[in-house]
Amino acid sequence: MVVGNFNTLEAAQVMSDAAKNAFMKVLVSPKEGWEGYVMRVVELGAEGYSPKHQHPWPHINFVIEGEGTLFIDGVDNPLTPGAYAYVPANAMHQFSNKGQSALKFICIVPEEGHQ
């Protein structure tokens, strides 16, 4: 069993030249007993963004706080707290922070999708 608070976890910077002000915290993974999946919180600082990319696995997302967009298959979709998204396998996508405070969202991926 795991009970925690993401505010107490140390964030790892997303190491990519195609990302800016992007950090990730792992909440639950196979290490904690959830075989096959990883639940993370992604934090994009002011003017931050994830790499524009695609991959062969789907993922689901839920916005905790902040404002931004999810570019997916050529469309910028607005994100505000409470927004959720399913990103299908092989869909080109990118998360961007459009506010002054951090954009924070949960991202759940198959284990193969966690780097």
N, C-alpha and C. Protein backbone atom coordinates (compact mmCIF):
# COMPACT_ATOMS: atom_id res chain seq x y z
N MET A 1 0.84 -1.18 0.00
CA MET A 1 0.00 0.00 0.00
C MET A 1 0.89 1.24 0.00
N VAL A 2 0.46 2.27 -0.76
CA VAL A 2 1.19 3.52 -0.82
C VAL A 2 0.20 4.65 -0.60
N VAL A 3 0.52 5.53 0.32
CA VAL A 3 -0.26 6.75 0.54
C VAL A 3 0.75 7.87 0.64
N GLY A 4 0.55 8.93 -0.12
CA GLY A 4 1.51 10.02 -0.09
C GLY A 4 0.91 11.30 -0.60
N ASN A 5 1.76 12.29 -0.80
CA ASN A 5 1.35 13.60 -1.31
C ASN A 5 2.39 14.03 -2.33
N PHE A 6 1.96 14.34 -3.55
CA PHE A 6 2.92 14.68 -4.60
C PHE A 6 3.72 15.93 -4.28
N ASN A 7 3.21 16.78 -3.40
CA ASN A 7 3.94 17.99 -3.03
C ASN A 7 5.20 17.69 -2.24
N THR A 8 5.32 16.49 -1.68
CA THR A 8 6.50 16.13 -0.89
C THR A 8 7.55 15.38 -1.71
N LEU A 9 7.24 15.05 -2.95
CA LEU A 9 8.17 14.29 -3.79
C LEU A 9 9.13 15.21 -4.53
N GLU A 10 10.33 14.72 -4.76
CA GLU A 10 11.31 15.46 -5.53
C GLU A 10 11.02 15.30 -7.02
N ALA A 11 11.08 16.39 -7.76
CA ALA A 11 10.81 16.36 -9.20
C ALA A 11 12.11 16.11 -9.96
N ALA A 12 12.00 15.31 -11.01
CA ALA A 12 13.13 15.10 -11.93
C ALA A 12 12.88 15.92 -13.18
N GLN A 13 13.87 16.63 -13.63
CA GLN A 13 13.73 17.43 -14.84
C GLN A 13 13.62 16.53 -16.05
N VAL A 14 12.74 16.87 -16.98
CA VAL A 14 12.63 16.14 -18.24
C VAL A 14 13.83 16.55 -19.08
N MET A 15 14.69 15.59 -19.34
CA MET A 15 15.95 15.85 -20.04
C MET A 15 15.77 15.68 -21.54
N SER A 16 15.37 16.75 -22.19
CA SER A 16 15.19 16.75 -23.64
C SER A 16 15.39 18.17 -24.13
N ASP A 17 16.11 18.31 -25.23
CA ASP A 17 16.27 19.63 -25.85
C ASP A 17 14.95 20.17 -26.37
N ALA A 18 13.95 19.29 -26.54
CA ALA A 18 12.65 19.68 -27.07
C ALA A 18 11.66 20.04 -25.97
N ALA A 19 12.11 20.06 -24.70
CA ALA A 19 11.25 20.42 -23.58
C ALA A 19 11.81 21.66 -22.90
N LYS A 20 10.91 22.39 -22.22
CA LYS A 20 11.33 23.59 -21.48
C LYS A 20 10.59 23.63 -20.15
N ASN A 21 11.31 23.85 -19.07
CA ASN A 21 10.72 23.98 -17.73
C ASN A 21 9.77 22.83 -17.42
N ALA A 22 10.18 21.61 -17.75
CA ALA A 22 9.34 20.42 -17.58
C ALA A 22 9.96 19.49 -16.53
N PHE A 23 9.11 19.07 -15.58
CA PHE A 23 9.55 18.22 -14.47
C PHE A 23 8.53 17.11 -14.26
N MET A 24 8.97 16.01 -13.66
CA MET A 24 8.09 14.86 -13.45
C MET A 24 8.32 14.26 -12.07
N LYS A 25 7.22 13.85 -11.45
CA LYS A 25 7.26 13.14 -10.17
C LYS A 25 6.53 11.81 -10.35
N VAL A 26 7.15 10.72 -9.97
CA VAL A 26 6.51 9.40 -10.06
C VAL A 26 5.76 9.16 -8.76
N LEU A 27 4.44 8.89 -8.89
CA LEU A 27 3.61 8.62 -7.72
C LEU A 27 3.52 7.13 -7.44
N VAL A 28 3.08 6.36 -8.43
CA VAL A 28 2.91 4.92 -8.27
C VAL A 28 3.42 4.22 -9.53
N SER A 29 4.19 3.16 -9.33
CA SER A 29 4.80 2.44 -10.44
C SER A 29 4.95 0.97 -10.02
N PRO A 30 5.53 0.15 -10.87
CA PRO A 30 5.80 -1.23 -10.44
C PRO A 30 6.64 -1.30 -9.16
N LYS A 31 7.48 -0.30 -8.92
CA LYS A 31 8.28 -0.26 -7.69
C LYS A 31 7.38 -0.25 -6.45
N GLU A 32 6.21 0.39 -6.57
CA GLU A 32 5.26 0.44 -5.46
C GLU A 32 4.22 -0.67 -5.54
N GLY A 33 4.30 -1.51 -6.60
CA GLY A 33 3.40 -2.65 -6.70
C GLY A 33 2.36 -2.58 -7.81
N TRP A 34 2.33 -1.47 -8.59
CA TRP A 34 1.35 -1.38 -9.68
C TRP A 34 2.01 -1.90 -10.95
N GLU A 35 1.87 -3.17 -11.19
CA GLU A 35 2.54 -3.82 -12.31
C GLU A 35 1.98 -3.34 -13.65
N GLY A 36 2.87 -2.94 -14.53
CA GLY A 36 2.50 -2.60 -15.90
C GLY A 36 2.19 -1.14 -16.15
N TYR A 37 2.05 -0.31 -15.10
CA TYR A 37 1.66 1.09 -15.29
C TYR A 37 2.47 2.01 -14.39
N VAL A 38 2.50 3.28 -14.79
CA VAL A 38 3.16 4.31 -13.99
C VAL A 38 2.24 5.53 -13.95
N MET A 39 2.00 6.03 -12.74
CA MET A 39 1.23 7.27 -12.55
C MET A 39 2.21 8.34 -12.11
N ARG A 40 2.21 9.45 -12.87
CA ARG A 40 3.17 10.52 -12.63
C ARG A 40 2.43 11.84 -12.56
N VAL A 41 3.07 12.83 -11.96
CA VAL A 41 2.60 14.21 -12.06
C VAL A 41 3.65 14.95 -12.87
N VAL A 42 3.20 15.59 -13.94
CA VAL A 42 4.08 16.41 -14.77
C VAL A 42 3.82 17.86 -14.39
N GLU A 43 4.90 18.61 -14.21
CA GLU A 43 4.81 20.02 -13.87
C GLU A 43 5.55 20.82 -14.94
N LEU A 44 4.81 21.74 -15.57
CA LEU A 44 5.40 22.63 -16.56
C LEU A 44 5.41 24.03 -15.97
N GLY A 45 6.60 24.58 -15.80
CA GLY A 45 6.73 25.93 -15.26
C GLY A 45 6.28 26.97 -16.29
N ALA A 46 6.36 28.24 -15.91
CA ALA A 46 5.97 29.33 -16.81
C ALA A 46 6.67 29.18 -18.15
N GLU A 47 5.92 29.29 -19.21
CA GLU A 47 6.41 29.14 -20.59
C GLU A 47 6.96 27.74 -20.87
N GLY A 48 6.63 26.77 -20.02
CA GLY A 48 7.14 25.42 -20.19
C GLY A 48 6.33 24.59 -21.17
N TYR A 49 6.96 23.54 -21.68
CA TYR A 49 6.27 22.61 -22.58
C TYR A 49 7.00 21.28 -22.59
N SER A 50 6.22 20.26 -22.94
CA SER A 50 6.80 18.93 -23.14
C SER A 50 7.29 18.85 -24.58
N PRO A 51 8.09 17.86 -24.91
CA PRO A 51 8.48 17.69 -26.31
C PRO A 51 7.24 17.41 -27.18
N LYS A 52 7.25 17.88 -28.39
CA LYS A 52 6.21 17.47 -29.36
C LYS A 52 6.65 16.09 -29.84
N HIS A 53 5.82 15.07 -29.59
CA HIS A 53 6.26 13.71 -29.85
C HIS A 53 5.08 12.78 -30.05
N GLN A 54 5.40 11.57 -30.44
CA GLN A 54 4.42 10.49 -30.54
C GLN A 54 5.11 9.20 -30.16
N HIS A 55 4.31 8.21 -29.76
CA HIS A 55 4.86 6.93 -29.33
C HIS A 55 3.79 5.86 -29.48
N PRO A 56 4.17 4.59 -29.43
CA PRO A 56 3.22 3.50 -29.72
C PRO A 56 2.32 3.10 -28.55
N TRP A 57 2.27 3.87 -27.48
CA TRP A 57 1.38 3.55 -26.36
C TRP A 57 0.46 4.74 -26.09
N PRO A 58 -0.74 4.47 -25.60
CA PRO A 58 -1.66 5.54 -25.22
C PRO A 58 -1.35 6.01 -23.79
N HIS A 59 -1.91 7.15 -23.42
CA HIS A 59 -1.86 7.57 -22.01
C HIS A 59 -3.06 8.43 -21.69
N ILE A 60 -3.32 8.54 -20.38
CA ILE A 60 -4.43 9.37 -19.93
C ILE A 60 -3.88 10.46 -19.02
N ASN A 61 -4.60 11.60 -19.00
CA ASN A 61 -4.12 12.76 -18.27
C ASN A 61 -5.28 13.46 -17.57
N PHE A 62 -4.96 14.08 -16.42
CA PHE A 62 -5.94 14.84 -15.66
C PHE A 62 -5.24 16.08 -15.12
N VAL A 63 -5.79 17.27 -15.40
CA VAL A 63 -5.17 18.53 -14.98
C VAL A 63 -5.53 18.83 -13.53
N ILE A 64 -4.50 19.03 -12.71
CA ILE A 64 -4.66 19.35 -11.30
C ILE A 64 -4.77 20.86 -11.11
N GLU A 65 -3.85 21.60 -11.73
CA GLU A 65 -3.86 23.06 -11.60
C GLU A 65 -3.15 23.70 -12.77
N GLY A 66 -3.45 24.98 -12.98
CA GLY A 66 -2.81 25.75 -14.03
C GLY A 66 -3.64 25.80 -15.30
N GLU A 67 -3.09 26.49 -16.30
CA GLU A 67 -3.75 26.65 -17.59
C GLU A 67 -2.75 26.34 -18.69
N GLY A 68 -3.25 25.69 -19.73
CA GLY A 68 -2.37 25.37 -20.84
C GLY A 68 -3.12 24.83 -22.02
N THR A 69 -2.38 24.16 -22.88
CA THR A 69 -2.98 23.52 -24.05
C THR A 69 -2.39 22.13 -24.23
N LEU A 70 -3.18 21.29 -24.85
CA LEU A 70 -2.71 19.99 -25.33
C LEU A 70 -2.87 20.02 -26.84
N PHE A 71 -1.73 20.07 -27.52
CA PHE A 71 -1.72 19.96 -28.97
C PHE A 71 -1.81 18.48 -29.28
N ILE A 72 -2.83 18.10 -30.03
CA ILE A 72 -2.97 16.70 -30.41
C ILE A 72 -3.55 16.63 -31.81
N ASP A 73 -2.84 15.94 -32.68
CA ASP A 73 -3.25 15.76 -34.07
C ASP A 73 -3.63 17.08 -34.75
N GLY A 74 -2.79 18.12 -34.52
CA GLY A 74 -2.96 19.39 -35.22
C GLY A 74 -3.88 20.39 -34.56
N VAL A 75 -4.44 20.08 -33.40
CA VAL A 75 -5.38 20.99 -32.73
C VAL A 75 -4.87 21.31 -31.33
N ASP A 76 -4.88 22.61 -30.96
CA ASP A 76 -4.57 23.03 -29.60
C ASP A 76 -5.85 23.01 -28.79
N ASN A 77 -5.91 22.16 -27.79
CA ASN A 77 -7.07 22.01 -26.92
C ASN A 77 -6.78 22.70 -25.59
N PRO A 78 -7.68 23.57 -25.12
CA PRO A 78 -7.43 24.27 -23.85
C PRO A 78 -7.48 23.33 -22.66
N LEU A 79 -6.62 23.59 -21.68
CA LEU A 79 -6.57 22.82 -20.45
C LEU A 79 -6.73 23.75 -19.26
N THR A 80 -7.62 23.42 -18.36
CA THR A 80 -7.82 24.11 -17.10
C THR A 80 -8.02 23.04 -16.03
N PRO A 81 -7.96 23.39 -14.75
CA PRO A 81 -8.14 22.37 -13.71
C PRO A 81 -9.42 21.57 -13.92
N GLY A 82 -9.29 20.27 -13.81
CA GLY A 82 -10.41 19.35 -14.02
C GLY A 82 -10.47 18.77 -15.42
N ALA A 83 -9.71 19.33 -16.36
CA ALA A 83 -9.69 18.81 -17.73
C ALA A 83 -9.02 17.43 -17.73
N TYR A 84 -9.46 16.58 -18.63
CA TYR A 84 -8.84 15.27 -18.80
C TYR A 84 -8.70 14.98 -20.27
N ALA A 85 -7.80 14.06 -20.59
CA ALA A 85 -7.55 13.72 -21.99
C ALA A 85 -7.06 12.29 -22.10
N TYR A 86 -7.47 11.66 -23.18
CA TYR A 86 -6.93 10.36 -23.57
C TYR A 86 -6.13 10.62 -24.84
N VAL A 87 -4.85 10.30 -24.81
CA VAL A 87 -3.99 10.47 -25.97
C VAL A 87 -3.77 9.08 -26.56
N PRO A 88 -4.32 8.82 -27.75
CA PRO A 88 -4.18 7.49 -28.36
C PRO A 88 -2.73 7.20 -28.77
N ALA A 89 -2.44 5.95 -28.93
CA ALA A 89 -1.14 5.53 -29.44
C ALA A 89 -0.87 6.21 -30.77
N ASN A 90 0.36 6.62 -30.97
CA ASN A 90 0.87 7.22 -32.21
C ASN A 90 0.31 8.60 -32.54
N ALA A 91 -0.43 9.23 -31.63
CA ALA A 91 -0.93 10.59 -31.87
C ALA A 91 0.18 11.59 -31.56
N MET A 92 0.44 12.51 -32.48
CA MET A 92 1.41 13.58 -32.23
C MET A 92 0.80 14.50 -31.17
N HIS A 93 1.57 14.80 -30.10
CA HIS A 93 1.01 15.62 -29.03
C HIS A 93 2.09 16.40 -28.30
N GLN A 94 1.64 17.46 -27.60
CA GLN A 94 2.53 18.30 -26.79
C GLN A 94 1.68 19.06 -25.78
N PHE A 95 2.15 19.11 -24.53
CA PHE A 95 1.52 19.91 -23.49
C PHE A 95 2.30 21.22 -23.36
N SER A 96 1.58 22.34 -23.22
CA SER A 96 2.22 23.64 -23.06
C SER A 96 1.53 24.42 -21.95
N ASN A 97 2.32 25.12 -21.15
CA ASN A 97 1.80 25.98 -20.10
C ASN A 97 1.51 27.35 -20.71
N LYS A 98 0.30 27.85 -20.53
CA LYS A 98 -0.07 29.16 -21.07
C LYS A 98 -0.31 30.19 -19.97
N GLY A 99 -0.07 29.79 -18.71
CA GLY A 99 -0.28 30.70 -17.59
C GLY A 99 1.03 31.11 -16.95
N GLN A 100 0.93 31.90 -15.88
CA GLN A 100 2.11 32.36 -15.15
C GLN A 100 2.52 31.39 -14.04
N SER A 101 1.55 30.61 -13.54
CA SER A 101 1.88 29.61 -12.52
C SER A 101 2.06 28.26 -13.20
N ALA A 102 2.48 27.27 -12.44
CA ALA A 102 2.75 25.94 -12.99
C ALA A 102 1.48 25.27 -13.51
N LEU A 103 1.63 24.54 -14.60
CA LEU A 103 0.59 23.63 -15.10
C LEU A 103 0.98 22.26 -14.57
N LYS A 104 0.09 21.65 -13.77
CA LYS A 104 0.36 20.34 -13.19
C LYS A 104 -0.73 19.38 -13.61
N PHE A 105 -0.30 18.21 -14.10
CA PHE A 105 -1.27 17.21 -14.51
C PHE A 105 -0.78 15.80 -14.23
N ILE A 106 -1.74 14.92 -13.97
CA ILE A 106 -1.46 13.51 -13.80
C ILE A 106 -1.33 12.89 -15.19
N CYS A 107 -0.37 12.01 -15.34
CA CYS A 107 -0.17 11.29 -16.60
C CYS A 107 0.02 9.82 -16.24
N ILE A 108 -0.84 8.96 -16.75
CA ILE A 108 -0.73 7.52 -16.51
C ILE A 108 -0.37 6.85 -17.83
N VAL A 109 0.74 6.11 -17.80
CA VAL A 109 1.25 5.43 -18.99
C VAL A 109 1.52 3.96 -18.69
N PRO A 110 1.53 3.13 -19.74
CA PRO A 110 2.02 1.77 -19.54
C PRO A 110 3.49 1.85 -19.12
N GLU A 111 3.97 0.86 -18.43
CA GLU A 111 5.34 0.86 -17.94
C GLU A 111 6.36 1.14 -19.05
N GLU A 112 6.11 0.62 -20.25
CA GLU A 112 7.03 0.86 -21.37
C GLU A 112 7.14 2.33 -21.74
N GLY A 113 6.14 3.13 -21.38
CA GLY A 113 6.13 4.55 -21.74
C GLY A 113 6.79 5.45 -20.74
N HIS A 114 7.26 4.90 -19.63
CA HIS A 114 7.91 5.73 -18.62
C HIS A 114 9.42 5.69 -18.82
N GLN A 115 10.00 6.87 -19.05
CA GLN A 115 11.47 6.95 -19.21
C GLN A 115 12.07 7.72 -18.09
